[in-house]
Amino acid sequence: MAIQVGDKAPDFELKDNHGATVKLSDFRGEKKVVLLFYPFAFTGVCTGELCELRDNLPKFADRDTQVLAVSNDSIHTLRVFAEQESLEYPLLSDFWPHGNVSRAYGVFDEDKGCAVRGTFIIDKEGVVRWTVVNGLPDARDLDEYVKALDTL
C-alpha cells in the first residue's frame, strides 16, 4: 500500500545520475519535494513525463520545490538518459538493493520488477501532503502537481 497523505515521508539515500548521494532529509526545512517514481528510462510514457517536467521546471522552482525522479535503473543508465533528454533535475537510482525505496513508498510492482507511477508531494517538514499513483501505462498530469503545490 502506498504512503498516504499525512504520513511522514520515509527518508532515503540514493545516488543520482552523476553518482552524488541525495537524501530526502537534506531538503527538510529548506524546500518542498515532488518525489516522482517512474518505471524505466528510455520508455515512451516515462520519457514524455520527464521531458514535460524538464520543460516546466520554473513552475516548481517558483514554488520553492525540488523535483526528484526515482527509477529502478542503474546510475549509468540514468546518466545517459539525462544527457540525451537534457534533464537538469536529479534522476535517482533505486537499483540496488533493488527497489528498496520504491517498496518503502508502496509503489514497487513485484511482478514487473519496477516502480509504478507514484508521485508524492512532501512539505518542508517531511510530511506527505498530496499523492497520486497510476499504473504503468498511465501518464500523470503535471498540472495536478502544480495545483497541489499551490495549496501548501
N, C-alpha and C. Protein backbone atom coordinates (compact mmCIF):
# COMPACT_ATOMS: atom_id res chain seq x y z
N MET A 1 0.84 -1.19 0.00
CA MET A 1 0.00 0.00 0.00
C MET A 1 0.89 1.25 0.00
N ALA A 2 0.52 2.21 -0.82
CA ALA A 2 1.31 3.43 -0.95
C ALA A 2 1.20 4.30 0.30
N ILE A 3 2.24 5.07 0.52
CA ILE A 3 2.25 6.06 1.60
C ILE A 3 1.06 7.00 1.39
N GLN A 4 0.42 7.42 2.47
CA GLN A 4 -0.79 8.22 2.40
C GLN A 4 -0.52 9.68 2.80
N VAL A 5 -1.43 10.56 2.41
CA VAL A 5 -1.38 11.96 2.83
C VAL A 5 -1.40 12.01 4.35
N GLY A 6 -0.51 12.81 4.92
CA GLY A 6 -0.40 12.93 6.37
C GLY A 6 0.69 12.07 6.97
N ASP A 7 1.17 11.07 6.20
CA ASP A 7 2.27 10.22 6.68
C ASP A 7 3.59 10.97 6.60
N LYS A 8 4.50 10.63 7.49
CA LYS A 8 5.87 11.12 7.40
C LYS A 8 6.51 10.39 6.22
N ALA A 9 7.13 11.14 5.33
CA ALA A 9 7.78 10.53 4.16
C ALA A 9 9.00 9.73 4.61
N PRO A 10 9.11 8.48 4.22
CA PRO A 10 10.29 7.70 4.58
C PRO A 10 11.56 8.35 4.01
N ASP A 11 12.54 8.54 4.87
CA ASP A 11 13.80 9.11 4.41
C ASP A 11 14.52 8.06 3.57
N PHE A 12 15.38 8.53 2.69
CA PHE A 12 16.18 7.61 1.87
C PHE A 12 17.47 8.30 1.49
N GLU A 13 18.38 7.49 1.01
CA GLU A 13 19.66 7.95 0.49
C GLU A 13 19.92 7.17 -0.80
N LEU A 14 19.92 7.89 -1.93
CA LEU A 14 20.13 7.25 -3.23
C LEU A 14 21.18 8.03 -4.01
N LYS A 15 21.80 7.36 -4.97
CA LYS A 15 22.75 8.01 -5.88
C LYS A 15 21.98 8.61 -7.06
N ASP A 16 22.42 9.80 -7.48
CA ASP A 16 21.81 10.40 -8.65
C ASP A 16 22.56 10.01 -9.92
N ASN A 17 22.13 10.55 -11.04
CA ASN A 17 22.71 10.20 -12.33
C ASN A 17 24.16 10.65 -12.49
N HIS A 18 24.68 11.43 -11.54
CA HIS A 18 26.09 11.82 -11.54
C HIS A 18 26.89 11.08 -10.47
N GLY A 19 26.23 10.18 -9.74
CA GLY A 19 26.89 9.42 -8.69
C GLY A 19 26.90 10.11 -7.33
N ALA A 20 26.27 11.29 -7.24
CA ALA A 20 26.21 12.02 -5.96
C ALA A 20 25.10 11.43 -5.09
N THR A 21 25.32 11.46 -3.79
CA THR A 21 24.33 10.97 -2.84
C THR A 21 23.29 12.05 -2.59
N VAL A 22 22.02 11.66 -2.68
CA VAL A 22 20.90 12.56 -2.39
C VAL A 22 20.08 11.93 -1.28
N LYS A 23 19.84 12.72 -0.22
CA LYS A 23 19.00 12.28 0.89
C LYS A 23 17.74 13.14 0.91
N LEU A 24 16.61 12.53 1.10
CA LEU A 24 15.37 13.29 1.21
C LEU A 24 15.47 14.27 2.37
N SER A 25 16.03 13.83 3.48
CA SER A 25 16.10 14.68 4.68
C SER A 25 16.95 15.93 4.47
N ASP A 26 17.79 15.96 3.44
CA ASP A 26 18.59 17.16 3.16
C ASP A 26 17.72 18.35 2.75
N PHE A 27 16.50 18.09 2.31
CA PHE A 27 15.60 19.16 1.88
C PHE A 27 14.69 19.63 3.01
N ARG A 28 14.67 18.90 4.12
CA ARG A 28 13.80 19.24 5.24
C ARG A 28 14.13 20.64 5.75
N GLY A 29 13.09 21.45 5.90
CA GLY A 29 13.26 22.82 6.36
C GLY A 29 13.72 23.76 5.28
N GLU A 30 14.05 23.24 4.08
CA GLU A 30 14.59 24.06 3.00
C GLU A 30 13.64 24.19 1.82
N LYS A 31 13.13 23.05 1.34
CA LYS A 31 12.29 23.03 0.14
C LYS A 31 11.22 21.97 0.27
N LYS A 32 10.12 22.18 -0.45
CA LYS A 32 9.15 21.11 -0.67
C LYS A 32 9.76 20.18 -1.72
N VAL A 33 9.28 18.97 -1.78
CA VAL A 33 9.80 17.99 -2.74
C VAL A 33 8.65 17.35 -3.50
N VAL A 34 8.80 17.30 -4.82
CA VAL A 34 7.94 16.44 -5.64
C VAL A 34 8.77 15.19 -5.91
N LEU A 35 8.37 14.09 -5.28
CA LEU A 35 9.06 12.82 -5.42
C LEU A 35 8.26 11.98 -6.40
N LEU A 36 8.89 11.70 -7.54
CA LEU A 36 8.21 11.07 -8.65
C LEU A 36 8.88 9.74 -8.96
N PHE A 37 8.14 8.65 -8.82
CA PHE A 37 8.63 7.33 -9.19
C PHE A 37 8.14 7.01 -10.60
N TYR A 38 9.03 6.44 -11.41
CA TYR A 38 8.66 6.05 -12.76
C TYR A 38 9.31 4.71 -13.08
N PRO A 39 8.71 3.93 -14.01
CA PRO A 39 9.21 2.57 -14.26
C PRO A 39 10.64 2.51 -14.79
N PHE A 40 10.88 3.02 -16.00
CA PHE A 40 12.20 2.86 -16.61
C PHE A 40 12.53 4.02 -17.54
N ALA A 41 13.80 4.38 -17.56
CA ALA A 41 14.31 5.35 -18.52
C ALA A 41 14.15 4.80 -19.93
N PHE A 42 14.09 5.70 -20.89
CA PHE A 42 14.04 5.38 -22.31
C PHE A 42 12.73 4.74 -22.77
N THR A 43 11.72 4.70 -21.93
CA THR A 43 10.43 4.18 -22.38
C THR A 43 9.54 5.38 -22.74
N GLY A 44 8.57 5.15 -23.59
CA GLY A 44 7.77 6.24 -24.16
C GLY A 44 7.08 7.13 -23.15
N VAL A 45 6.25 6.55 -22.29
CA VAL A 45 5.49 7.36 -21.34
C VAL A 45 6.42 8.04 -20.34
N CYS A 46 7.43 7.32 -19.86
CA CYS A 46 8.38 7.90 -18.89
C CYS A 46 9.13 9.07 -19.51
N THR A 47 9.61 8.90 -20.73
CA THR A 47 10.34 9.97 -21.39
C THR A 47 9.44 11.19 -21.56
N GLY A 48 8.21 10.98 -21.96
CA GLY A 48 7.26 12.09 -22.11
C GLY A 48 7.03 12.82 -20.81
N GLU A 49 6.80 12.08 -19.72
CA GLU A 49 6.57 12.71 -18.42
C GLU A 49 7.79 13.51 -17.95
N LEU A 50 8.96 12.90 -18.05
CA LEU A 50 10.17 13.55 -17.54
C LEU A 50 10.57 14.76 -18.39
N CYS A 51 10.32 14.71 -19.69
CA CYS A 51 10.58 15.88 -20.53
C CYS A 51 9.58 17.00 -20.25
N GLU A 52 8.34 16.64 -19.95
CA GLU A 52 7.36 17.66 -19.56
C GLU A 52 7.79 18.35 -18.27
N LEU A 53 8.30 17.58 -17.31
CA LEU A 53 8.85 18.19 -16.09
C LEU A 53 10.00 19.13 -16.44
N ARG A 54 10.92 18.66 -17.29
CA ARG A 54 12.05 19.49 -17.72
C ARG A 54 11.57 20.83 -18.28
N ASP A 55 10.56 20.78 -19.12
CA ASP A 55 10.05 21.97 -19.78
C ASP A 55 9.30 22.90 -18.83
N ASN A 56 8.94 22.39 -17.67
CA ASN A 56 8.16 23.19 -16.71
C ASN A 56 8.86 23.38 -15.37
N LEU A 57 10.17 23.15 -15.31
CA LEU A 57 10.90 23.29 -14.05
C LEU A 57 10.71 24.64 -13.37
N PRO A 58 10.60 25.75 -14.10
CA PRO A 58 10.39 27.03 -13.41
C PRO A 58 9.12 27.06 -12.55
N LYS A 59 8.10 26.31 -12.94
CA LYS A 59 6.88 26.25 -12.13
C LYS A 59 7.17 25.68 -10.74
N PHE A 60 8.13 24.76 -10.67
CA PHE A 60 8.48 24.15 -9.39
C PHE A 60 9.45 25.04 -8.62
N ALA A 61 10.44 25.58 -9.32
CA ALA A 61 11.40 26.48 -8.66
C ALA A 61 10.67 27.69 -8.08
N ASP A 62 9.69 28.22 -8.79
CA ASP A 62 8.92 29.37 -8.31
C ASP A 62 8.12 29.04 -7.06
N ARG A 63 7.89 27.77 -6.83
CA ARG A 63 7.13 27.32 -5.66
C ARG A 63 8.04 26.71 -4.59
N ASP A 64 9.32 27.03 -4.67
CA ASP A 64 10.32 26.58 -3.69
C ASP A 64 10.29 25.06 -3.53
N THR A 65 10.32 24.38 -4.68
CA THR A 65 10.14 22.93 -4.72
C THR A 65 11.25 22.27 -5.52
N GLN A 66 11.77 21.17 -4.98
CA GLN A 66 12.76 20.34 -5.66
C GLN A 66 12.07 19.13 -6.28
N VAL A 67 12.34 18.86 -7.54
CA VAL A 67 11.84 17.67 -8.21
C VAL A 67 12.91 16.58 -8.09
N LEU A 68 12.50 15.40 -7.63
CA LEU A 68 13.37 14.22 -7.57
C LEU A 68 12.65 13.08 -8.28
N ALA A 69 13.26 12.53 -9.31
CA ALA A 69 12.66 11.43 -10.06
C ALA A 69 13.42 10.14 -9.76
N VAL A 70 12.70 9.09 -9.42
CA VAL A 70 13.30 7.83 -8.98
C VAL A 70 12.85 6.68 -9.89
N SER A 71 13.83 5.91 -10.36
CA SER A 71 13.52 4.68 -11.09
C SER A 71 14.42 3.56 -10.58
N ASN A 72 14.18 2.38 -11.07
CA ASN A 72 14.98 1.22 -10.67
C ASN A 72 16.12 0.96 -11.65
N ASP A 73 16.42 1.94 -12.49
CA ASP A 73 17.55 1.85 -13.42
C ASP A 73 18.86 2.11 -12.68
N SER A 74 19.98 1.70 -13.28
CA SER A 74 21.30 1.98 -12.72
C SER A 74 21.65 3.45 -12.93
N ILE A 75 22.62 3.94 -12.15
CA ILE A 75 23.03 5.34 -12.32
C ILE A 75 23.62 5.56 -13.72
N HIS A 76 24.23 4.55 -14.28
CA HIS A 76 24.83 4.69 -15.61
C HIS A 76 23.76 4.88 -16.68
N THR A 77 22.70 4.12 -16.58
CA THR A 77 21.57 4.28 -17.50
C THR A 77 20.97 5.67 -17.33
N LEU A 78 20.79 6.10 -16.09
CA LEU A 78 20.19 7.40 -15.82
C LEU A 78 21.07 8.55 -16.33
N ARG A 79 22.38 8.38 -16.25
CA ARG A 79 23.29 9.43 -16.74
C ARG A 79 23.10 9.63 -18.25
N VAL A 80 23.08 8.54 -19.00
CA VAL A 80 22.91 8.63 -20.45
C VAL A 80 21.53 9.18 -20.79
N PHE A 81 20.52 8.72 -20.09
CA PHE A 81 19.15 9.19 -20.32
C PHE A 81 19.06 10.70 -20.07
N ALA A 82 19.60 11.17 -18.95
CA ALA A 82 19.55 12.60 -18.62
C ALA A 82 20.29 13.43 -19.67
N GLU A 83 21.43 12.94 -20.11
CA GLU A 83 22.18 13.66 -21.14
C GLU A 83 21.41 13.71 -22.45
N GLN A 84 20.85 12.59 -22.84
CA GLN A 84 20.12 12.52 -24.10
C GLN A 84 18.90 13.44 -24.10
N GLU A 85 18.22 13.53 -22.97
CA GLU A 85 16.98 14.30 -22.89
C GLU A 85 17.17 15.68 -22.26
N SER A 86 18.40 16.05 -21.93
CA SER A 86 18.71 17.36 -21.30
C SER A 86 17.92 17.57 -20.00
N LEU A 87 17.90 16.54 -19.17
CA LEU A 87 17.19 16.61 -17.89
C LEU A 87 18.14 17.19 -16.84
N GLU A 88 17.75 18.30 -16.24
CA GLU A 88 18.62 19.05 -15.32
C GLU A 88 18.35 18.74 -13.84
N TYR A 89 17.31 18.03 -13.55
CA TYR A 89 16.99 17.70 -12.16
C TYR A 89 17.51 16.30 -11.85
N PRO A 90 17.65 15.97 -10.55
CA PRO A 90 18.23 14.66 -10.19
C PRO A 90 17.35 13.48 -10.59
N LEU A 91 17.98 12.53 -11.25
CA LEU A 91 17.37 11.23 -11.51
C LEU A 91 18.04 10.26 -10.54
N LEU A 92 17.27 9.70 -9.65
CA LEU A 92 17.81 8.86 -8.58
C LEU A 92 17.63 7.39 -8.90
N SER A 93 18.67 6.62 -8.58
CA SER A 93 18.69 5.19 -8.87
C SER A 93 18.31 4.37 -7.64
N ASP A 94 17.19 3.67 -7.75
CA ASP A 94 16.74 2.73 -6.73
C ASP A 94 17.05 1.30 -7.21
N PHE A 95 18.25 1.19 -7.78
CA PHE A 95 18.66 -0.06 -8.44
C PHE A 95 19.08 -1.13 -7.44
N TRP A 96 19.90 -0.74 -6.45
CA TRP A 96 20.38 -1.75 -5.51
C TRP A 96 20.53 -1.19 -4.13
N PRO A 97 20.02 -1.84 -3.10
CA PRO A 97 19.19 -3.04 -3.20
C PRO A 97 17.92 -2.73 -4.01
N HIS A 98 17.65 -3.59 -4.95
CA HIS A 98 16.66 -3.34 -5.98
C HIS A 98 15.29 -2.98 -5.42
N GLY A 99 14.88 -1.72 -5.67
CA GLY A 99 13.53 -1.29 -5.33
C GLY A 99 13.27 -1.01 -3.86
N ASN A 100 14.29 -0.90 -3.02
CA ASN A 100 14.03 -0.70 -1.59
C ASN A 100 13.23 0.57 -1.30
N VAL A 101 13.58 1.67 -1.95
CA VAL A 101 12.85 2.92 -1.70
C VAL A 101 11.46 2.85 -2.31
N SER A 102 11.36 2.29 -3.50
CA SER A 102 10.04 2.12 -4.12
C SER A 102 9.13 1.29 -3.22
N ARG A 103 9.67 0.25 -2.62
CA ARG A 103 8.89 -0.57 -1.69
C ARG A 103 8.48 0.24 -0.46
N ALA A 104 9.39 1.04 0.07
CA ALA A 104 9.09 1.85 1.27
C ALA A 104 7.93 2.80 1.01
N TYR A 105 7.79 3.25 -0.22
CA TYR A 105 6.69 4.15 -0.58
C TYR A 105 5.47 3.39 -1.10
N GLY A 106 5.57 2.07 -1.20
CA GLY A 106 4.43 1.25 -1.61
C GLY A 106 4.12 1.30 -3.09
N VAL A 107 5.14 1.58 -3.93
CA VAL A 107 4.90 1.71 -5.36
C VAL A 107 5.72 0.74 -6.20
N PHE A 108 6.26 -0.30 -5.59
CA PHE A 108 7.05 -1.28 -6.35
C PHE A 108 6.15 -2.41 -6.81
N ASP A 109 6.18 -2.69 -8.09
CA ASP A 109 5.42 -3.80 -8.67
C ASP A 109 6.33 -5.03 -8.68
N GLU A 110 6.08 -5.96 -7.78
CA GLU A 110 6.93 -7.14 -7.63
C GLU A 110 6.94 -8.00 -8.90
N ASP A 111 5.83 -8.08 -9.59
CA ASP A 111 5.77 -8.91 -10.79
C ASP A 111 6.57 -8.31 -11.95
N LYS A 112 6.56 -7.01 -12.06
CA LYS A 112 7.26 -6.33 -13.17
C LYS A 112 8.70 -5.97 -12.80
N GLY A 113 9.01 -5.90 -11.50
CA GLY A 113 10.36 -5.56 -11.06
C GLY A 113 10.70 -4.09 -11.18
N CYS A 114 9.67 -3.24 -11.10
CA CYS A 114 9.90 -1.80 -11.22
C CYS A 114 8.84 -1.04 -10.45
N ALA A 115 9.09 0.25 -10.30
CA ALA A 115 8.11 1.13 -9.64
C ALA A 115 6.97 1.44 -10.61
N VAL A 116 5.78 1.60 -10.06
CA VAL A 116 4.67 2.15 -10.84
C VAL A 116 4.79 3.67 -10.77
N ARG A 117 3.87 4.38 -11.38
CA ARG A 117 3.94 5.85 -11.45
C ARG A 117 3.34 6.47 -10.19
N GLY A 118 4.15 6.56 -9.16
CA GLY A 118 3.72 7.18 -7.91
C GLY A 118 4.35 8.55 -7.75
N THR A 119 3.54 9.51 -7.31
CA THR A 119 4.04 10.86 -7.06
C THR A 119 3.62 11.28 -5.66
N PHE A 120 4.58 11.86 -4.93
CA PHE A 120 4.35 12.30 -3.56
C PHE A 120 4.86 13.73 -3.42
N ILE A 121 3.98 14.62 -2.98
CA ILE A 121 4.42 15.98 -2.66
C ILE A 121 4.65 16.02 -1.16
N ILE A 122 5.87 16.40 -0.81
CA ILE A 122 6.32 16.37 0.58
C ILE A 122 6.62 17.80 1.01
N ASP A 123 6.04 18.21 2.15
CA ASP A 123 6.26 19.58 2.60
C ASP A 123 7.64 19.73 3.25
N LYS A 124 7.95 20.94 3.67
CA LYS A 124 9.28 21.23 4.23
C LYS A 124 9.54 20.51 5.55
N GLU A 125 8.48 20.01 6.19
CA GLU A 125 8.65 19.26 7.44
C GLU A 125 8.77 17.76 7.20
N GLY A 126 8.69 17.34 5.93
CA GLY A 126 8.84 15.92 5.62
C GLY A 126 7.55 15.13 5.66
N VAL A 127 6.40 15.82 5.57
CA VAL A 127 5.10 15.15 5.62
C VAL A 127 4.51 15.13 4.21
N VAL A 128 3.95 13.99 3.84
CA VAL A 128 3.30 13.85 2.54
C VAL A 128 1.99 14.64 2.57
N ARG A 129 1.85 15.57 1.61
CA ARG A 129 0.68 16.44 1.55
C ARG A 129 -0.23 16.15 0.37
N TRP A 130 0.27 15.40 -0.62
CA TRP A 130 -0.53 15.05 -1.80
C TRP A 130 0.13 13.86 -2.46
N THR A 131 -0.68 12.99 -3.03
CA THR A 131 -0.14 11.82 -3.70
C THR A 131 -1.08 11.34 -4.80
N VAL A 132 -0.49 10.72 -5.80
CA VAL A 132 -1.26 10.03 -6.83
C VAL A 132 -0.42 8.83 -7.27
N VAL A 133 -1.08 7.71 -7.51
CA VAL A 133 -0.40 6.51 -8.00
C VAL A 133 -1.16 6.02 -9.22
N ASN A 134 -0.44 5.97 -10.33
CA ASN A 134 -1.02 5.49 -11.59
C ASN A 134 -0.35 4.17 -11.97
N GLY A 135 -1.05 3.40 -12.77
CA GLY A 135 -0.49 2.17 -13.28
C GLY A 135 0.61 2.44 -14.29
N LEU A 136 1.31 1.41 -14.70
CA LEU A 136 2.45 1.56 -15.61
C LEU A 136 2.13 2.31 -16.90
N PRO A 137 1.01 2.05 -17.57
CA PRO A 137 0.79 2.72 -18.85
C PRO A 137 0.18 4.12 -18.74
N ASP A 138 -0.19 4.56 -17.55
CA ASP A 138 -0.98 5.78 -17.40
C ASP A 138 -0.14 6.97 -16.98
N ALA A 139 0.05 7.93 -17.89
CA ALA A 139 0.81 9.14 -17.61
C ALA A 139 0.07 9.99 -16.57
N ARG A 140 0.85 10.75 -15.82
CA ARG A 140 0.30 11.66 -14.81
C ARG A 140 0.12 13.05 -15.41
N ASP A 141 -0.72 13.86 -14.76
CA ASP A 141 -1.00 15.22 -15.20
C ASP A 141 -0.15 16.19 -14.38
N LEU A 142 0.84 16.82 -15.01
CA LEU A 142 1.74 17.74 -14.33
C LEU A 142 0.98 18.90 -13.68
N ASP A 143 -0.09 19.36 -14.31
CA ASP A 143 -0.86 20.48 -13.75
C ASP A 143 -1.44 20.13 -12.38
N GLU A 144 -1.71 18.84 -12.14
CA GLU A 144 -2.21 18.43 -10.83
C GLU A 144 -1.16 18.68 -9.75
N TYR A 145 0.12 18.43 -10.06
CA TYR A 145 1.19 18.69 -9.08
C TYR A 145 1.23 20.17 -8.73
N VAL A 146 1.17 21.00 -9.77
CA VAL A 146 1.27 22.45 -9.56
C VAL A 146 0.10 22.94 -8.72
N LYS A 147 -1.10 22.46 -9.02
CA LYS A 147 -2.28 22.86 -8.22
C LYS A 147 -2.10 22.42 -6.77
N ALA A 148 -1.62 21.21 -6.57
CA ALA A 148 -1.41 20.71 -5.20
C ALA A 148 -0.36 21.55 -4.47
N LEU A 149 0.71 21.93 -5.14
CA LEU A 149 1.74 22.78 -4.51
C LEU A 149 1.17 24.13 -4.11
N ASP A 150 0.25 24.65 -4.91
CA ASP A 150 -0.35 25.95 -4.61
C ASP A 150 -1.23 25.92 -3.36
N THR A 151 -1.62 24.73 -2.92
CA THR A 151 -2.45 24.64 -1.71
C THR A 151 -1.60 24.59 -0.43
N LEU A 152 -0.28 24.41 -0.59
CA LEU A 152 0.59 24.31 0.60
C LEU A 152 1.03 25.68 1.08
